[in-house]
Amino acid sequence: MLLYVDAQYASPYAMSVFVGLKEKGIPFDMQALDLGAGANRTADYAATSLTQRVPTLVEGDFHLSESSAITEYLDETYPGTALYPTAPKAKARARQIQAWLRSDLLPIRQERSTEVLFYRRCDAPLSDAATLAAQKLFTAADTLLAPDREHLFDAWCIADVDLALMLNRLVLNGDAVPARLADYAGRQWQRASVQAWVSLSRPPL
């Protein structure tokens, strides 16, 4: 398998697929694209990736883009650690969490980019819009995380990585985050598959 990722290894979506591959124990190679230089818009990559984005997974003549589509494919096709709950309602909830984190909370994603996670902190305080988004995030996460659970569900799933990453945009920047949620995000961040991504050697910005 070949996984196309961004050259800074900072895409949360590429990270999610990377973690999924590691959890499944699937051997794969990575190809980094310089998105800033428009490497994803070349004719060659357009022929590989329908959406011209990262991540894209290549398995023989099968090419698949969009992170949650890739992790669902991996989970349905390969043995190893389950990436999603098996119960239909729990799986639907995990997919809801993923879709929400990818489509909402834009002020947090803008003001606490993944540079905060992998390069340097941001000194600017959160705007009013980002503060409201953070409160929305905290309320949802607190509702989703049962007090007696280490993960979102009975066992770890890929949505835990996505939620922890969103929380860690704030935690690792030193922004105020409720202790229970910060502890959850910290535990998820220490998972071996996550640390394999965090520990990648990154080029300077």
N, C-alpha and C. Protein backbone atom coordinates (compact mmCIF):
# COMPACT_ATOMS: atom_id res chain seq x y z
N MET A 1 0.84 -1.20 0.00
CA MET A 1 0.00 0.00 0.00
C MET A 1 0.87 1.25 0.00
N LEU A 2 0.34 2.30 -0.58
CA LEU A 2 1.01 3.59 -0.60
C LEU A 2 0.05 4.64 -0.07
N LEU A 3 0.52 5.43 0.89
CA LEU A 3 -0.30 6.49 1.48
C LEU A 3 0.31 7.83 1.14
N TYR A 4 -0.46 8.67 0.45
CA TYR A 4 -0.03 10.04 0.17
C TYR A 4 -0.42 10.93 1.34
N VAL A 5 0.56 11.69 1.83
CA VAL A 5 0.35 12.58 2.97
C VAL A 5 0.96 13.94 2.64
N ASP A 6 0.78 14.91 3.53
CA ASP A 6 1.38 16.23 3.34
C ASP A 6 2.83 16.21 3.77
N ALA A 7 3.62 17.10 3.19
CA ALA A 7 5.07 17.11 3.42
C ALA A 7 5.43 17.47 4.86
N GLN A 8 4.56 18.18 5.58
CA GLN A 8 4.84 18.55 6.97
C GLN A 8 4.33 17.49 7.96
N TYR A 9 3.67 16.46 7.46
CA TYR A 9 3.07 15.44 8.34
C TYR A 9 2.23 16.13 9.42
N ALA A 10 1.42 17.06 8.99
CA ALA A 10 0.60 17.85 9.91
C ALA A 10 -0.89 17.72 9.64
N SER A 11 -1.27 17.03 8.58
CA SER A 11 -2.69 16.88 8.26
C SER A 11 -3.35 15.96 9.28
N PRO A 12 -4.40 16.43 9.95
CA PRO A 12 -5.09 15.55 10.90
C PRO A 12 -5.76 14.37 10.21
N TYR A 13 -6.11 14.55 8.95
CA TYR A 13 -6.79 13.50 8.20
C TYR A 13 -5.79 12.43 7.75
N ALA A 14 -4.61 12.87 7.30
CA ALA A 14 -3.56 11.90 6.99
C ALA A 14 -3.15 11.14 8.24
N MET A 15 -3.08 11.85 9.37
CA MET A 15 -2.74 11.20 10.63
C MET A 15 -3.74 10.11 10.97
N SER A 16 -5.02 10.38 10.79
CA SER A 16 -6.06 9.41 11.12
C SER A 16 -5.89 8.12 10.32
N VAL A 17 -5.58 8.24 9.04
CA VAL A 17 -5.38 7.05 8.20
C VAL A 17 -4.08 6.35 8.57
N PHE A 18 -3.02 7.11 8.81
CA PHE A 18 -1.75 6.54 9.25
C PHE A 18 -1.96 5.69 10.49
N VAL A 19 -2.67 6.23 11.47
CA VAL A 19 -2.95 5.50 12.71
C VAL A 19 -3.75 4.24 12.40
N GLY A 20 -4.73 4.35 11.51
CA GLY A 20 -5.53 3.18 11.16
C GLY A 20 -4.68 2.07 10.55
N LEU A 21 -3.78 2.41 9.67
CA LEU A 21 -2.89 1.43 9.05
C LEU A 21 -1.99 0.78 10.09
N LYS A 22 -1.46 1.60 11.00
CA LYS A 22 -0.61 1.07 12.07
C LYS A 22 -1.39 0.13 12.96
N GLU A 23 -2.61 0.51 13.33
CA GLU A 23 -3.42 -0.33 14.20
C GLU A 23 -3.76 -1.67 13.54
N LYS A 24 -3.94 -1.65 12.23
CA LYS A 24 -4.25 -2.87 11.50
C LYS A 24 -3.00 -3.72 11.25
N GLY A 25 -1.83 -3.14 11.45
CA GLY A 25 -0.60 -3.86 11.18
C GLY A 25 -0.35 -4.08 9.70
N ILE A 26 -0.82 -3.15 8.87
CA ILE A 26 -0.68 -3.27 7.42
C ILE A 26 0.61 -2.56 6.98
N PRO A 27 1.51 -3.27 6.32
CA PRO A 27 2.72 -2.59 5.79
C PRO A 27 2.33 -1.57 4.72
N PHE A 28 2.98 -0.42 4.75
CA PHE A 28 2.69 0.61 3.74
C PHE A 28 3.88 1.54 3.60
N ASP A 29 3.94 2.18 2.45
CA ASP A 29 4.91 3.24 2.19
C ASP A 29 4.17 4.57 2.20
N MET A 30 4.93 5.64 2.40
CA MET A 30 4.34 6.98 2.37
C MET A 30 5.01 7.82 1.30
N GLN A 31 4.21 8.63 0.65
CA GLN A 31 4.70 9.63 -0.30
C GLN A 31 4.22 11.00 0.16
N ALA A 32 5.17 11.89 0.45
CA ALA A 32 4.82 13.22 0.95
C ALA A 32 4.67 14.19 -0.22
N LEU A 33 3.62 14.99 -0.17
CA LEU A 33 3.36 16.00 -1.19
C LEU A 33 3.49 17.39 -0.59
N ASP A 34 4.14 18.29 -1.31
CA ASP A 34 4.25 19.68 -0.87
C ASP A 34 2.99 20.41 -1.31
N LEU A 35 2.03 20.48 -0.41
CA LEU A 35 0.75 21.10 -0.76
C LEU A 35 0.91 22.59 -1.02
N GLY A 36 1.84 23.22 -0.30
CA GLY A 36 2.07 24.65 -0.51
C GLY A 36 2.55 24.97 -1.90
N ALA A 37 3.25 24.03 -2.52
CA ALA A 37 3.75 24.22 -3.88
C ALA A 37 2.76 23.69 -4.92
N GLY A 38 1.61 23.22 -4.46
CA GLY A 38 0.59 22.76 -5.39
C GLY A 38 0.83 21.37 -5.95
N ALA A 39 1.62 20.54 -5.25
CA ALA A 39 1.92 19.20 -5.76
C ALA A 39 0.67 18.34 -5.89
N ASN A 40 -0.36 18.66 -5.13
CA ASN A 40 -1.61 17.90 -5.20
C ASN A 40 -2.45 18.28 -6.41
N ARG A 41 -2.07 19.34 -7.12
CA ARG A 41 -2.86 19.78 -8.27
C ARG A 41 -2.22 19.40 -9.61
N THR A 42 -1.16 18.62 -9.57
CA THR A 42 -0.53 18.18 -10.81
C THR A 42 -1.42 17.16 -11.51
N ALA A 43 -1.20 17.01 -12.81
CA ALA A 43 -2.00 16.06 -13.59
C ALA A 43 -1.78 14.63 -13.09
N ASP A 44 -0.55 14.30 -12.72
CA ASP A 44 -0.26 12.95 -12.24
C ASP A 44 -1.03 12.65 -10.97
N TYR A 45 -1.04 13.61 -10.03
CA TYR A 45 -1.74 13.34 -8.78
C TYR A 45 -3.25 13.36 -8.98
N ALA A 46 -3.72 14.21 -9.87
CA ALA A 46 -5.15 14.24 -10.17
C ALA A 46 -5.62 12.90 -10.73
N ALA A 47 -4.73 12.22 -11.43
CA ALA A 47 -5.07 10.90 -11.95
C ALA A 47 -5.07 9.84 -10.85
N THR A 48 -4.41 10.16 -9.74
CA THR A 48 -4.33 9.23 -8.61
C THR A 48 -5.42 9.50 -7.59
N SER A 49 -5.68 10.79 -7.32
CA SER A 49 -6.61 11.17 -6.27
C SER A 49 -7.80 11.91 -6.87
N LEU A 50 -8.97 11.33 -6.72
CA LEU A 50 -10.18 11.93 -7.28
C LEU A 50 -10.41 13.33 -6.73
N THR A 51 -10.10 13.55 -5.46
CA THR A 51 -10.35 14.83 -4.82
C THR A 51 -9.13 15.75 -4.83
N GLN A 52 -7.98 15.24 -5.28
CA GLN A 52 -6.72 16.01 -5.31
C GLN A 52 -6.35 16.52 -3.91
N ARG A 53 -6.62 15.68 -2.92
CA ARG A 53 -6.29 16.05 -1.55
C ARG A 53 -5.51 14.90 -0.91
N VAL A 54 -5.01 15.17 0.29
CA VAL A 54 -4.43 14.11 1.09
C VAL A 54 -5.32 13.91 2.32
N PRO A 55 -5.38 12.67 2.80
CA PRO A 55 -4.66 11.50 2.32
C PRO A 55 -5.34 10.84 1.12
N THR A 56 -4.54 10.12 0.37
CA THR A 56 -5.05 9.19 -0.64
C THR A 56 -4.32 7.87 -0.45
N LEU A 57 -5.07 6.79 -0.47
CA LEU A 57 -4.51 5.45 -0.32
C LEU A 57 -4.52 4.76 -1.68
N VAL A 58 -3.38 4.16 -2.03
CA VAL A 58 -3.27 3.40 -3.28
C VAL A 58 -3.00 1.95 -2.93
N GLU A 59 -3.87 1.08 -3.41
CA GLU A 59 -3.72 -0.36 -3.22
C GLU A 59 -3.90 -1.01 -4.59
N GLY A 60 -2.79 -1.28 -5.27
CA GLY A 60 -2.87 -1.79 -6.63
C GLY A 60 -3.51 -0.76 -7.53
N ASP A 61 -4.58 -1.15 -8.20
CA ASP A 61 -5.25 -0.20 -9.09
C ASP A 61 -6.43 0.49 -8.41
N PHE A 62 -6.55 0.31 -7.09
CA PHE A 62 -7.63 0.96 -6.33
C PHE A 62 -7.06 2.18 -5.61
N HIS A 63 -7.65 3.33 -5.88
CA HIS A 63 -7.22 4.59 -5.27
C HIS A 63 -8.40 5.15 -4.49
N LEU A 64 -8.15 5.56 -3.24
CA LEU A 64 -9.25 6.04 -2.40
C LEU A 64 -8.81 7.26 -1.62
N SER A 65 -9.60 8.32 -1.68
CA SER A 65 -9.34 9.55 -0.95
C SER A 65 -10.40 9.73 0.14
N GLU A 66 -10.16 10.72 1.00
CA GLU A 66 -11.02 11.09 2.13
C GLU A 66 -10.81 10.11 3.28
N SER A 67 -10.35 10.66 4.39
CA SER A 67 -9.83 9.84 5.49
C SER A 67 -10.84 8.87 6.08
N SER A 68 -12.05 9.32 6.35
CA SER A 68 -13.01 8.41 6.98
C SER A 68 -13.44 7.30 6.02
N ALA A 69 -13.47 7.59 4.71
CA ALA A 69 -13.76 6.53 3.74
C ALA A 69 -12.64 5.50 3.75
N ILE A 70 -11.41 5.97 3.89
CA ILE A 70 -10.27 5.04 3.90
C ILE A 70 -10.29 4.17 5.15
N THR A 71 -10.52 4.78 6.31
CA THR A 71 -10.49 3.98 7.54
C THR A 71 -11.65 2.99 7.58
N GLU A 72 -12.80 3.37 7.04
CA GLU A 72 -13.91 2.42 6.96
C GLU A 72 -13.55 1.25 6.03
N TYR A 73 -12.92 1.56 4.91
CA TYR A 73 -12.49 0.51 3.99
C TYR A 73 -11.50 -0.44 4.67
N LEU A 74 -10.53 0.11 5.35
CA LEU A 74 -9.53 -0.71 6.04
C LEU A 74 -10.20 -1.61 7.08
N ASP A 75 -11.15 -1.05 7.80
CA ASP A 75 -11.79 -1.81 8.87
C ASP A 75 -12.64 -2.95 8.33
N GLU A 76 -13.26 -2.72 7.19
CA GLU A 76 -14.14 -3.74 6.61
C GLU A 76 -13.37 -4.79 5.82
N THR A 77 -12.10 -4.50 5.50
CA THR A 77 -11.35 -5.37 4.60
C THR A 77 -10.23 -6.14 5.30
N TYR A 78 -9.68 -5.59 6.37
CA TYR A 78 -8.50 -6.17 6.98
C TYR A 78 -8.74 -6.54 8.45
N PRO A 79 -8.10 -7.61 8.91
CA PRO A 79 -8.17 -7.96 10.32
C PRO A 79 -7.29 -7.03 11.14
N GLY A 80 -7.22 -7.30 12.42
CA GLY A 80 -6.43 -6.45 13.31
C GLY A 80 -7.34 -5.64 14.21
N THR A 81 -6.77 -4.65 14.85
CA THR A 81 -7.53 -3.80 15.76
C THR A 81 -8.74 -3.20 15.04
N ALA A 82 -9.88 -3.30 15.67
CA ALA A 82 -11.09 -2.69 15.09
C ALA A 82 -10.96 -1.17 15.14
N LEU A 83 -11.21 -0.52 14.01
CA LEU A 83 -11.14 0.94 13.95
C LEU A 83 -12.48 1.58 14.32
N TYR A 84 -13.56 0.82 14.20
CA TYR A 84 -14.90 1.31 14.53
C TYR A 84 -15.61 0.30 15.41
N PRO A 85 -16.55 0.75 16.23
CA PRO A 85 -17.38 -0.21 16.97
C PRO A 85 -18.16 -1.09 16.00
N THR A 86 -18.49 -2.29 16.45
CA THR A 86 -19.24 -3.20 15.58
C THR A 86 -20.75 -2.99 15.67
N ALA A 87 -21.24 -2.55 16.82
CA ALA A 87 -22.68 -2.32 16.97
C ALA A 87 -23.10 -1.17 16.05
N PRO A 88 -24.17 -1.33 15.28
CA PRO A 88 -24.55 -0.31 14.30
C PRO A 88 -24.73 1.09 14.88
N LYS A 89 -25.39 1.19 16.02
CA LYS A 89 -25.62 2.52 16.59
C LYS A 89 -24.33 3.16 17.07
N ALA A 90 -23.45 2.36 17.67
CA ALA A 90 -22.17 2.90 18.13
C ALA A 90 -21.30 3.30 16.93
N LYS A 91 -21.31 2.48 15.88
CA LYS A 91 -20.54 2.83 14.69
C LYS A 91 -21.08 4.12 14.06
N ALA A 92 -22.39 4.24 14.01
CA ALA A 92 -22.99 5.47 13.47
C ALA A 92 -22.57 6.68 14.31
N ARG A 93 -22.52 6.52 15.62
CA ARG A 93 -22.11 7.61 16.49
C ARG A 93 -20.64 7.99 16.22
N ALA A 94 -19.79 6.98 16.06
CA ALA A 94 -18.38 7.25 15.77
C ALA A 94 -18.24 8.02 14.45
N ARG A 95 -19.01 7.62 13.45
CA ARG A 95 -18.96 8.31 12.16
C ARG A 95 -19.51 9.73 12.29
N GLN A 96 -20.54 9.89 13.13
CA GLN A 96 -21.07 11.23 13.37
C GLN A 96 -19.99 12.12 13.97
N ILE A 97 -19.27 11.61 14.95
CA ILE A 97 -18.21 12.38 15.60
C ILE A 97 -17.15 12.78 14.57
N GLN A 98 -16.73 11.83 13.74
CA GLN A 98 -15.74 12.14 12.71
C GLN A 98 -16.24 13.22 11.75
N ALA A 99 -17.46 13.05 11.26
CA ALA A 99 -18.00 14.02 10.30
C ALA A 99 -18.11 15.40 10.92
N TRP A 100 -18.54 15.46 12.17
CA TRP A 100 -18.69 16.74 12.87
C TRP A 100 -17.33 17.43 13.04
N LEU A 101 -16.34 16.69 13.48
CA LEU A 101 -15.02 17.29 13.70
C LEU A 101 -14.39 17.78 12.41
N ARG A 102 -14.76 17.17 11.28
CA ARG A 102 -14.20 17.58 10.00
C ARG A 102 -14.94 18.76 9.37
N SER A 103 -16.16 19.02 9.83
CA SER A 103 -16.98 20.02 9.14
C SER A 103 -17.36 21.22 10.01
N ASP A 104 -17.10 21.16 11.31
CA ASP A 104 -17.53 22.21 12.23
C ASP A 104 -16.30 22.72 12.99
N LEU A 105 -16.54 23.64 13.90
CA LEU A 105 -15.48 24.18 14.79
C LEU A 105 -14.37 24.87 14.00
N LEU A 106 -14.76 25.51 12.90
CA LEU A 106 -13.77 26.16 12.04
C LEU A 106 -12.90 27.18 12.77
N PRO A 107 -13.43 28.00 13.68
CA PRO A 107 -12.55 28.97 14.36
C PRO A 107 -11.41 28.30 15.12
N ILE A 108 -11.65 27.14 15.71
CA ILE A 108 -10.56 26.44 16.39
C ILE A 108 -9.53 25.98 15.37
N ARG A 109 -10.00 25.40 14.27
CA ARG A 109 -9.06 24.91 13.26
C ARG A 109 -8.26 26.05 12.63
N GLN A 110 -8.87 27.23 12.53
CA GLN A 110 -8.15 28.37 11.97
C GLN A 110 -7.15 28.96 12.95
N GLU A 111 -7.55 29.11 14.20
CA GLU A 111 -6.71 29.80 15.17
C GLU A 111 -5.76 28.88 15.92
N ARG A 112 -6.02 27.59 15.88
CA ARG A 112 -5.12 26.60 16.49
C ARG A 112 -4.88 25.51 15.45
N SER A 113 -4.13 25.90 14.42
CA SER A 113 -3.84 24.94 13.35
C SER A 113 -2.99 23.80 13.90
N THR A 114 -2.78 22.79 13.10
CA THR A 114 -1.98 21.66 13.56
C THR A 114 -0.50 22.01 13.72
N GLU A 115 -0.11 23.22 13.32
CA GLU A 115 1.24 23.67 13.67
C GLU A 115 1.42 23.69 15.19
N VAL A 116 0.33 23.96 15.91
CA VAL A 116 0.37 23.95 17.38
C VAL A 116 0.78 22.57 17.89
N LEU A 117 0.31 21.52 17.21
CA LEU A 117 0.57 20.15 17.64
C LEU A 117 1.97 19.69 17.30
N PHE A 118 2.48 20.11 16.14
CA PHE A 118 3.70 19.51 15.63
C PHE A 118 4.87 20.49 15.45
N TYR A 119 4.62 21.79 15.65
CA TYR A 119 5.70 22.75 15.45
C TYR A 119 5.84 23.73 16.63
N ARG A 120 4.87 24.60 16.80
CA ARG A 120 5.03 25.66 17.80
C ARG A 120 3.66 26.15 18.26
N ARG A 121 3.66 26.75 19.45
CA ARG A 121 2.43 27.31 19.99
C ARG A 121 2.05 28.60 19.28
N CYS A 122 0.80 28.97 19.44
CA CYS A 122 0.29 30.25 18.95
C CYS A 122 0.08 31.17 20.14
N ASP A 123 0.67 32.36 20.10
CA ASP A 123 0.60 33.27 21.24
C ASP A 123 -0.71 34.06 21.31
N ALA A 124 -1.39 34.18 20.19
CA ALA A 124 -2.61 35.00 20.16
C ALA A 124 -3.72 34.32 20.96
N PRO A 125 -4.47 35.08 21.75
CA PRO A 125 -5.59 34.48 22.48
C PRO A 125 -6.70 34.08 21.52
N LEU A 126 -7.55 33.18 21.95
CA LEU A 126 -8.68 32.78 21.13
C LEU A 126 -9.64 33.95 20.94
N SER A 127 -10.17 34.07 19.75
CA SER A 127 -11.20 35.07 19.48
C SER A 127 -12.49 34.67 20.18
N ASP A 128 -13.46 35.57 20.17
CA ASP A 128 -14.76 35.24 20.74
C ASP A 128 -15.39 34.05 20.01
N ALA A 129 -15.24 34.02 18.68
CA ALA A 129 -15.81 32.93 17.90
C ALA A 129 -15.15 31.60 18.25
N ALA A 130 -13.83 31.61 18.41
CA ALA A 130 -13.12 30.38 18.76
C ALA A 130 -13.44 29.94 20.19
N THR A 131 -13.63 30.90 21.08
CA THR A 131 -14.01 30.57 22.46
C THR A 131 -15.37 29.89 22.49
N LEU A 132 -16.31 30.40 21.70
CA LEU A 132 -17.63 29.77 21.61
C LEU A 132 -17.53 28.37 21.02
N ALA A 133 -16.69 28.22 20.00
CA ALA A 133 -16.49 26.90 19.38
C ALA A 133 -15.87 25.93 20.39
N ALA A 134 -14.93 26.43 21.20
CA ALA A 134 -14.31 25.59 22.21
C ALA A 134 -15.33 25.12 23.23
N GLN A 135 -16.22 26.01 23.64
CA GLN A 135 -17.25 25.61 24.60
C GLN A 135 -18.19 24.55 24.00
N LYS A 136 -18.48 24.71 22.73
CA LYS A 136 -19.30 23.71 22.04
C LYS A 136 -18.59 22.37 22.02
N LEU A 137 -17.29 22.39 21.73
CA LEU A 137 -16.47 21.18 21.73
C LEU A 137 -16.47 20.52 23.11
N PHE A 138 -16.26 21.32 24.14
CA PHE A 138 -16.20 20.77 25.51
C PHE A 138 -17.53 20.15 25.91
N THR A 139 -18.62 20.82 25.59
CA THR A 139 -19.94 20.30 25.95
C THR A 139 -20.20 18.96 25.27
N ALA A 140 -19.89 18.89 23.98
CA ALA A 140 -20.11 17.65 23.24
C ALA A 140 -19.21 16.54 23.76
N ALA A 141 -17.92 16.84 23.96
CA ALA A 141 -16.98 15.82 24.43
C ALA A 141 -17.36 15.31 25.81
N ASP A 142 -17.80 16.21 26.68
CA ASP A 142 -18.19 15.81 28.02
C ASP A 142 -19.41 14.91 27.98
N THR A 143 -20.32 15.19 27.05
CA THR A 143 -21.50 14.35 26.89
C THR A 143 -21.14 12.98 26.34
N LEU A 144 -20.21 12.95 25.39
CA LEU A 144 -19.83 11.70 24.73
C LEU A 144 -19.02 10.78 25.62
N LEU A 145 -18.23 11.35 26.51
CA LEU A 145 -17.31 10.56 27.34
C LEU A 145 -17.98 10.20 28.67
N ALA A 146 -18.38 8.95 28.80
CA ALA A 146 -18.96 8.50 30.06
C ALA A 146 -17.89 8.56 31.15
N PRO A 147 -18.27 8.90 32.36
CA PRO A 147 -17.28 9.07 33.44
C PRO A 147 -16.42 7.85 33.71
N ASP A 148 -16.95 6.65 33.47
CA ASP A 148 -16.21 5.43 33.79
C ASP A 148 -15.50 4.83 32.59
N ARG A 149 -15.41 5.57 31.48
CA ARG A 149 -14.80 5.03 30.27
C ARG A 149 -13.49 5.75 29.95
N GLU A 150 -12.52 4.97 29.46
CA GLU A 150 -11.26 5.54 29.00
C GLU A 150 -11.38 6.04 27.58
N HIS A 151 -12.32 5.47 26.82
CA HIS A 151 -12.51 5.80 25.41
C HIS A 151 -13.96 6.24 25.19
N LEU A 152 -14.25 6.64 23.97
CA LEU A 152 -15.61 7.05 23.63
C LEU A 152 -16.60 5.91 23.78
N PHE A 153 -16.14 4.69 23.47
CA PHE A 153 -16.99 3.51 23.53
C PHE A 153 -16.32 2.47 24.43
N ASP A 154 -16.78 1.25 24.41
CA ASP A 154 -16.22 0.24 25.30
C ASP A 154 -14.75 -0.02 25.00
N ALA A 155 -14.37 0.12 23.75
CA ALA A 155 -12.97 -0.06 23.34
C ALA A 155 -12.55 1.13 22.49
N TRP A 156 -11.25 1.28 22.32
CA TRP A 156 -10.70 2.36 21.49
C TRP A 156 -11.26 2.28 20.08
N CYS A 157 -11.43 3.44 19.44
CA CYS A 157 -11.75 3.47 18.02
C CYS A 157 -11.08 4.70 17.40
N ILE A 158 -11.12 4.77 16.09
CA ILE A 158 -10.42 5.84 15.38
C ILE A 158 -11.01 7.21 15.70
N ALA A 159 -12.27 7.28 16.09
CA ALA A 159 -12.87 8.56 16.47
C ALA A 159 -12.21 9.13 17.73
N ASP A 160 -11.65 8.27 18.57
CA ASP A 160 -10.90 8.76 19.73
C ASP A 160 -9.70 9.59 19.29
N VAL A 161 -9.04 9.16 18.24
CA VAL A 161 -7.88 9.91 17.72
C VAL A 161 -8.33 11.27 17.22
N ASP A 162 -9.42 11.30 16.48
CA ASP A 162 -9.89 12.56 15.91
C ASP A 162 -10.35 13.53 16.98
N LEU A 163 -11.06 13.03 17.99
CA LEU A 163 -11.52 13.91 19.06
C LEU A 163 -10.34 14.40 19.90
N ALA A 164 -9.41 13.51 20.21
CA ALA A 164 -8.24 13.91 20.99
C ALA A 164 -7.41 14.95 20.26
N LEU A 165 -7.31 14.81 18.93
CA LEU A 165 -6.55 15.80 18.17
C LEU A 165 -7.20 17.17 18.25
N MET A 166 -8.51 17.22 18.13
CA MET A 166 -9.19 18.51 18.22
C MET A 166 -8.99 19.13 19.59
N LEU A 167 -9.12 18.34 20.63
CA LEU A 167 -8.91 18.85 21.99
C LEU A 167 -7.46 19.30 22.18
N ASN A 168 -6.53 18.54 21.61
CA ASN A 168 -5.11 18.86 21.81
C ASN A 168 -4.68 20.11 21.06
N ARG A 169 -5.46 20.56 20.08
CA ARG A 169 -5.17 21.86 19.48
C ARG A 169 -5.16 22.94 20.57
N LEU A 170 -6.00 22.74 21.58
CA LEU A 170 -6.11 23.69 22.69
C LEU A 170 -5.18 23.29 23.84
N VAL A 171 -5.21 22.02 24.20
CA VAL A 171 -4.40 21.55 25.34
C VAL A 171 -2.93 21.85 25.13
N LEU A 172 -2.39 21.46 23.99
CA LEU A 172 -0.96 21.60 23.74
C LEU A 172 -0.54 23.04 23.47
N ASN A 173 -1.53 23.89 23.26
CA ASN A 173 -1.22 25.32 23.11
C ASN A 173 -1.30 26.05 24.45
N GLY A 174 -1.73 25.36 25.49
CA GLY A 174 -1.85 26.00 26.80
C GLY A 174 -3.16 26.71 27.03
N ASP A 175 -4.13 26.50 26.14
CA ASP A 175 -5.45 27.09 26.35
C ASP A 175 -6.20 26.31 27.43
N ALA A 176 -7.15 26.96 28.07
CA ALA A 176 -7.91 26.32 29.15
C ALA A 176 -8.83 25.24 28.60
N VAL A 177 -8.67 24.04 29.14
CA VAL A 177 -9.49 22.89 28.76
C VAL A 177 -9.87 22.17 30.06
N PRO A 178 -11.12 21.76 30.23
CA PRO A 178 -11.50 21.02 31.43
C PRO A 178 -10.57 19.84 31.67
N ALA A 179 -10.20 19.63 32.93
CA ALA A 179 -9.18 18.63 33.27
C ALA A 179 -9.53 17.24 32.77
N ARG A 180 -10.79 16.86 32.88
CA ARG A 180 -11.17 15.50 32.45
C ARG A 180 -10.94 15.31 30.96
N LEU A 181 -11.24 16.34 30.19
CA LEU A 181 -11.06 16.26 28.74
C LEU A 181 -9.59 16.33 28.37
N ALA A 182 -8.83 17.15 29.08
CA ALA A 182 -7.39 17.23 28.83
C ALA A 182 -6.72 15.89 29.14
N ASP A 183 -7.14 15.24 30.22
CA ASP A 183 -6.59 13.93 30.58
C ASP A 183 -6.90 12.90 29.51
N TYR A 184 -8.13 12.92 29.03
CA TYR A 184 -8.53 12.00 27.95
C TYR A 184 -7.67 12.22 26.71
N ALA A 185 -7.51 13.48 26.31
CA ALA A 185 -6.72 13.78 25.12
C ALA A 185 -5.27 13.35 25.30
N GLY A 186 -4.74 13.54 26.49
CA GLY A 186 -3.36 13.14 26.76
C GLY A 186 -3.18 11.64 26.68
N ARG A 187 -4.13 10.88 27.22
CA ARG A 187 -4.04 9.42 27.15
C ARG A 187 -4.09 8.93 25.71
N GLN A 188 -4.99 9.50 24.92
CA GLN A 188 -5.10 9.08 23.52
C GLN A 188 -3.81 9.41 22.75
N TRP A 189 -3.20 10.51 23.10
CA TRP A 189 -1.99 10.97 22.40
C TRP A 189 -0.81 10.02 22.64
N GLN A 190 -0.85 9.28 23.74
CA GLN A 190 0.25 8.38 24.07
C GLN A 190 0.12 7.00 23.42
N ARG A 191 -0.97 6.73 22.74
CA ARG A 191 -1.12 5.45 22.06
C ARG A 191 0.02 5.26 21.06
N ALA A 192 0.54 4.06 20.96
CA ALA A 192 1.75 3.81 20.15
C ALA A 192 1.56 4.24 18.70
N SER A 193 0.40 3.94 18.12
CA SER A 193 0.17 4.31 16.72
C SER A 193 0.14 5.81 16.53
N VAL A 194 -0.38 6.53 17.52
CA VAL A 194 -0.41 7.99 17.47
C VAL A 194 0.99 8.55 17.62
N GLN A 195 1.75 8.01 18.57
CA GLN A 195 3.11 8.49 18.77
C GLN A 195 4.00 8.21 17.57
N ALA A 196 3.69 7.17 16.80
CA ALA A 196 4.46 6.90 15.58
C ALA A 196 4.33 8.06 14.59
N TRP A 197 3.14 8.68 14.55
CA TRP A 197 2.94 9.85 13.69
C TRP A 197 3.57 11.10 14.32
N VAL A 198 3.33 11.29 15.60
CA VAL A 198 3.86 12.46 16.29
C VAL A 198 5.38 12.51 16.18
N SER A 199 6.03 11.35 16.18
CA SER A 199 7.48 11.27 16.22
C SER A 199 8.15 11.36 14.86
N LEU A 200 7.37 11.48 13.79
CA LEU A 200 7.97 11.60 12.46
C LEU A 200 8.87 12.83 12.38
N SER A 201 9.94 12.72 11.61
CA SER A 201 10.85 13.85 11.42
C SER A 201 10.24 14.83 10.42
N ARG A 202 10.02 16.05 10.86
CA ARG A 202 9.34 17.04 10.02
C ARG A 202 10.30 18.10 9.50
N PRO A 203 10.10 18.55 8.26
CA PRO A 203 10.93 19.64 7.74
C PRO A 203 10.55 20.94 8.41
N PRO A 204 11.44 21.93 8.46
CA PRO A 204 11.08 23.22 9.03
C PRO A 204 10.01 23.89 8.18
N LEU A 205 9.21 24.72 8.83
CA LEU A 205 8.18 25.47 8.11
C LEU A 205 8.81 26.53 7.22
